[in-house]
Amino acid sequence: MRRDLEERPRRLHRTDWMALLSGVLFIVLGILTVTRAITDPLVLIGVLVLGLAFAGLVAIIARVFRGK
């Protein structure tokens, strides 16, 4: 292996919790919609809003603990 690659400090990426949880939420809601597990649009919108609120709360808490 090359020496310049070994000597470089490893860069760590911080997890973007809002994006991660929002993506998981949309995938789950898409699966539930396609399989017709949720047929009522009002329930779908309610779950979407609550899920995004939860993702935002987790992102805020992560930022507070991260110190930035």
N, C-alpha and C. Protein backbone atom coordinates (compact mmCIF):
# COMPACT_ATOMS: atom_id res chain seq x y z
N MET A 1 0.83 -1.19 0.00
CA MET A 1 0.00 0.00 0.00
C MET A 1 0.88 1.25 0.00
N ARG A 2 0.37 2.31 -0.55
CA ARG A 2 1.15 3.54 -0.61
C ARG A 2 1.23 4.19 0.76
N ARG A 3 2.38 4.80 1.03
CA ARG A 3 2.59 5.42 2.34
C ARG A 3 1.70 6.64 2.58
N ASP A 4 1.46 7.45 1.54
CA ASP A 4 0.67 8.66 1.73
C ASP A 4 -0.78 8.32 2.10
N LEU A 5 -1.26 7.18 1.67
CA LEU A 5 -2.61 6.77 2.04
C LEU A 5 -2.65 6.27 3.48
N GLU A 6 -1.59 5.65 3.94
CA GLU A 6 -1.55 5.13 5.29
C GLU A 6 -1.42 6.24 6.33
N GLU A 7 -0.76 7.32 6.00
CA GLU A 7 -0.48 8.38 6.95
C GLU A 7 -1.62 9.38 7.10
N ARG A 8 -2.53 9.38 6.15
CA ARG A 8 -3.65 10.32 6.21
C ARG A 8 -4.60 9.94 7.33
N PRO A 9 -5.05 10.92 8.10
CA PRO A 9 -6.04 10.58 9.13
C PRO A 9 -7.38 10.21 8.48
N ARG A 10 -8.06 9.29 9.08
CA ARG A 10 -9.34 8.84 8.53
C ARG A 10 -10.41 9.88 8.82
N ARG A 11 -11.17 10.22 7.81
CA ARG A 11 -12.25 11.19 7.97
C ARG A 11 -13.53 10.44 8.31
N LEU A 12 -14.20 10.88 9.35
CA LEU A 12 -15.47 10.28 9.73
C LEU A 12 -16.60 11.22 9.34
N HIS A 13 -17.63 10.66 8.77
CA HIS A 13 -18.80 11.45 8.41
C HIS A 13 -19.84 11.32 9.50
N ARG A 14 -20.40 12.44 9.86
CA ARG A 14 -21.46 12.41 10.86
C ARG A 14 -22.76 11.95 10.21
N THR A 15 -23.53 11.20 10.98
CA THR A 15 -24.79 10.69 10.47
C THR A 15 -25.82 11.80 10.41
N ASP A 16 -26.46 11.95 9.28
CA ASP A 16 -27.55 12.90 9.12
C ASP A 16 -28.84 12.15 9.48
N TRP A 17 -29.24 12.26 10.74
CA TRP A 17 -30.36 11.48 11.25
C TRP A 17 -31.67 11.87 10.60
N MET A 18 -31.85 13.14 10.28
CA MET A 18 -33.10 13.57 9.64
C MET A 18 -33.26 12.90 8.28
N ALA A 19 -32.21 12.90 7.49
CA ALA A 19 -32.27 12.29 6.16
C ALA A 19 -32.42 10.78 6.25
N LEU A 20 -31.70 10.16 7.16
CA LEU A 20 -31.77 8.71 7.30
C LEU A 20 -33.16 8.25 7.73
N LEU A 21 -33.70 8.86 8.76
CA LEU A 21 -35.02 8.45 9.25
C LEU A 21 -36.13 8.83 8.28
N SER A 22 -36.00 9.95 7.59
CA SER A 22 -37.00 10.32 6.60
C SER A 22 -37.00 9.33 5.44
N GLY A 23 -35.83 8.92 5.01
CA GLY A 23 -35.74 7.93 3.94
C GLY A 23 -36.36 6.60 4.34
N VAL A 24 -36.06 6.15 5.55
CA VAL A 24 -36.66 4.90 6.04
C VAL A 24 -38.17 5.05 6.13
N LEU A 25 -38.63 6.19 6.60
CA LEU A 25 -40.08 6.43 6.71
C LEU A 25 -40.76 6.35 5.34
N PHE A 26 -40.19 7.00 4.33
CA PHE A 26 -40.80 6.98 3.01
C PHE A 26 -40.76 5.59 2.38
N ILE A 27 -39.70 4.83 2.63
CA ILE A 27 -39.65 3.45 2.12
C ILE A 27 -40.74 2.60 2.77
N VAL A 28 -40.86 2.71 4.10
CA VAL A 28 -41.88 1.93 4.82
C VAL A 28 -43.29 2.34 4.37
N LEU A 29 -43.53 3.63 4.25
CA LEU A 29 -44.85 4.08 3.81
C LEU A 29 -45.14 3.63 2.37
N GLY A 30 -44.11 3.62 1.53
CA GLY A 30 -44.30 3.13 0.17
C GLY A 30 -44.65 1.66 0.14
N ILE A 31 -43.98 0.87 0.97
CA ILE A 31 -44.29 -0.57 1.04
C ILE A 31 -45.70 -0.77 1.57
N LEU A 32 -46.06 -0.03 2.61
CA LEU A 32 -47.40 -0.17 3.17
C LEU A 32 -48.48 0.27 2.18
N THR A 33 -48.19 1.25 1.35
CA THR A 33 -49.15 1.70 0.35
C THR A 33 -49.29 0.70 -0.79
N VAL A 34 -48.17 0.17 -1.26
CA VAL A 34 -48.20 -0.78 -2.37
C VAL A 34 -48.88 -2.08 -1.95
N THR A 35 -48.63 -2.52 -0.73
CA THR A 35 -49.24 -3.77 -0.26
C THR A 35 -50.66 -3.55 0.24
N ARG A 36 -51.11 -2.33 0.18
CA ARG A 36 -52.46 -1.95 0.62
C ARG A 36 -52.72 -2.23 2.10
N ALA A 37 -51.67 -2.15 2.90
CA ALA A 37 -51.82 -2.29 4.35
C ALA A 37 -52.44 -1.01 4.93
N ILE A 38 -52.16 0.12 4.29
CA ILE A 38 -52.79 1.40 4.65
C ILE A 38 -53.57 1.86 3.43
N THR A 39 -54.87 1.96 3.58
CA THR A 39 -55.70 2.40 2.45
C THR A 39 -56.31 3.77 2.69
N ASP A 40 -56.38 4.20 3.94
CA ASP A 40 -56.99 5.49 4.27
C ASP A 40 -55.94 6.60 4.12
N PRO A 41 -56.17 7.56 3.23
CA PRO A 41 -55.19 8.64 3.04
C PRO A 41 -54.97 9.48 4.30
N LEU A 42 -56.00 9.61 5.12
CA LEU A 42 -55.85 10.40 6.34
C LEU A 42 -54.88 9.73 7.31
N VAL A 43 -54.94 8.43 7.41
CA VAL A 43 -54.01 7.68 8.26
C VAL A 43 -52.60 7.80 7.70
N LEU A 44 -52.47 7.71 6.39
CA LEU A 44 -51.16 7.81 5.74
C LEU A 44 -50.53 9.18 6.01
N ILE A 45 -51.31 10.23 5.88
CA ILE A 45 -50.80 11.58 6.14
C ILE A 45 -50.43 11.76 7.62
N GLY A 46 -51.26 11.20 8.50
CA GLY A 46 -50.97 11.28 9.93
C GLY A 46 -49.68 10.57 10.30
N VAL A 47 -49.48 9.38 9.75
CA VAL A 47 -48.25 8.63 10.02
C VAL A 47 -47.05 9.37 9.43
N LEU A 48 -47.22 9.96 8.27
CA LEU A 48 -46.15 10.73 7.64
C LEU A 48 -45.74 11.92 8.51
N VAL A 49 -46.72 12.67 8.97
CA VAL A 49 -46.42 13.85 9.80
C VAL A 49 -45.76 13.44 11.11
N LEU A 50 -46.30 12.42 11.75
CA LEU A 50 -45.71 11.96 13.01
C LEU A 50 -44.30 11.41 12.80
N GLY A 51 -44.10 10.69 11.71
CA GLY A 51 -42.78 10.16 11.42
C GLY A 51 -41.76 11.25 11.15
N LEU A 52 -42.15 12.28 10.40
CA LEU A 52 -41.24 13.39 10.15
C LEU A 52 -40.97 14.19 11.42
N ALA A 53 -41.97 14.32 12.27
CA ALA A 53 -41.76 15.00 13.55
C ALA A 53 -40.78 14.22 14.42
N PHE A 54 -40.92 12.91 14.43
CA PHE A 54 -39.99 12.07 15.20
C PHE A 54 -38.57 12.18 14.64
N ALA A 55 -38.44 12.16 13.32
CA ALA A 55 -37.12 12.29 12.69
C ALA A 55 -36.49 13.65 13.02
N GLY A 56 -37.30 14.70 13.01
CA GLY A 56 -36.79 16.02 13.38
C GLY A 56 -36.36 16.09 14.82
N LEU A 57 -37.12 15.46 15.70
CA LEU A 57 -36.76 15.45 17.12
C LEU A 57 -35.44 14.71 17.35
N VAL A 58 -35.28 13.57 16.69
CA VAL A 58 -34.03 12.81 16.82
C VAL A 58 -32.87 13.63 16.27
N ALA A 59 -33.07 14.32 15.16
CA ALA A 59 -32.01 15.15 14.57
C ALA A 59 -31.62 16.29 15.51
N ILE A 60 -32.60 16.90 16.17
CA ILE A 60 -32.31 17.98 17.11
C ILE A 60 -31.54 17.45 18.32
N ILE A 61 -31.98 16.32 18.85
CA ILE A 61 -31.30 15.73 20.00
C ILE A 61 -29.87 15.33 19.64
N ALA A 62 -29.68 14.77 18.45
CA ALA A 62 -28.33 14.40 18.00
C ALA A 62 -27.44 15.62 17.87
N ARG A 63 -28.00 16.70 17.37
CA ARG A 63 -27.20 17.93 17.23
C ARG A 63 -26.81 18.51 18.58
N VAL A 64 -27.71 18.42 19.57
CA VAL A 64 -27.42 18.91 20.91
C VAL A 64 -26.29 18.09 21.53
N PHE A 65 -26.36 16.77 21.41
CA PHE A 65 -25.31 15.92 21.96
C PHE A 65 -24.00 16.07 21.21
N ARG A 66 -24.09 16.36 19.92
CA ARG A 66 -22.90 16.55 19.10
C ARG A 66 -22.19 17.86 19.44
N GLY A 67 -22.96 18.81 19.93
CA GLY A 67 -22.38 20.09 20.33
C GLY A 67 -22.22 21.08 19.20
N LYS A 68 -23.05 20.98 18.21
CA LYS A 68 -22.95 21.92 17.09
C LYS A 68 -24.31 22.35 16.64
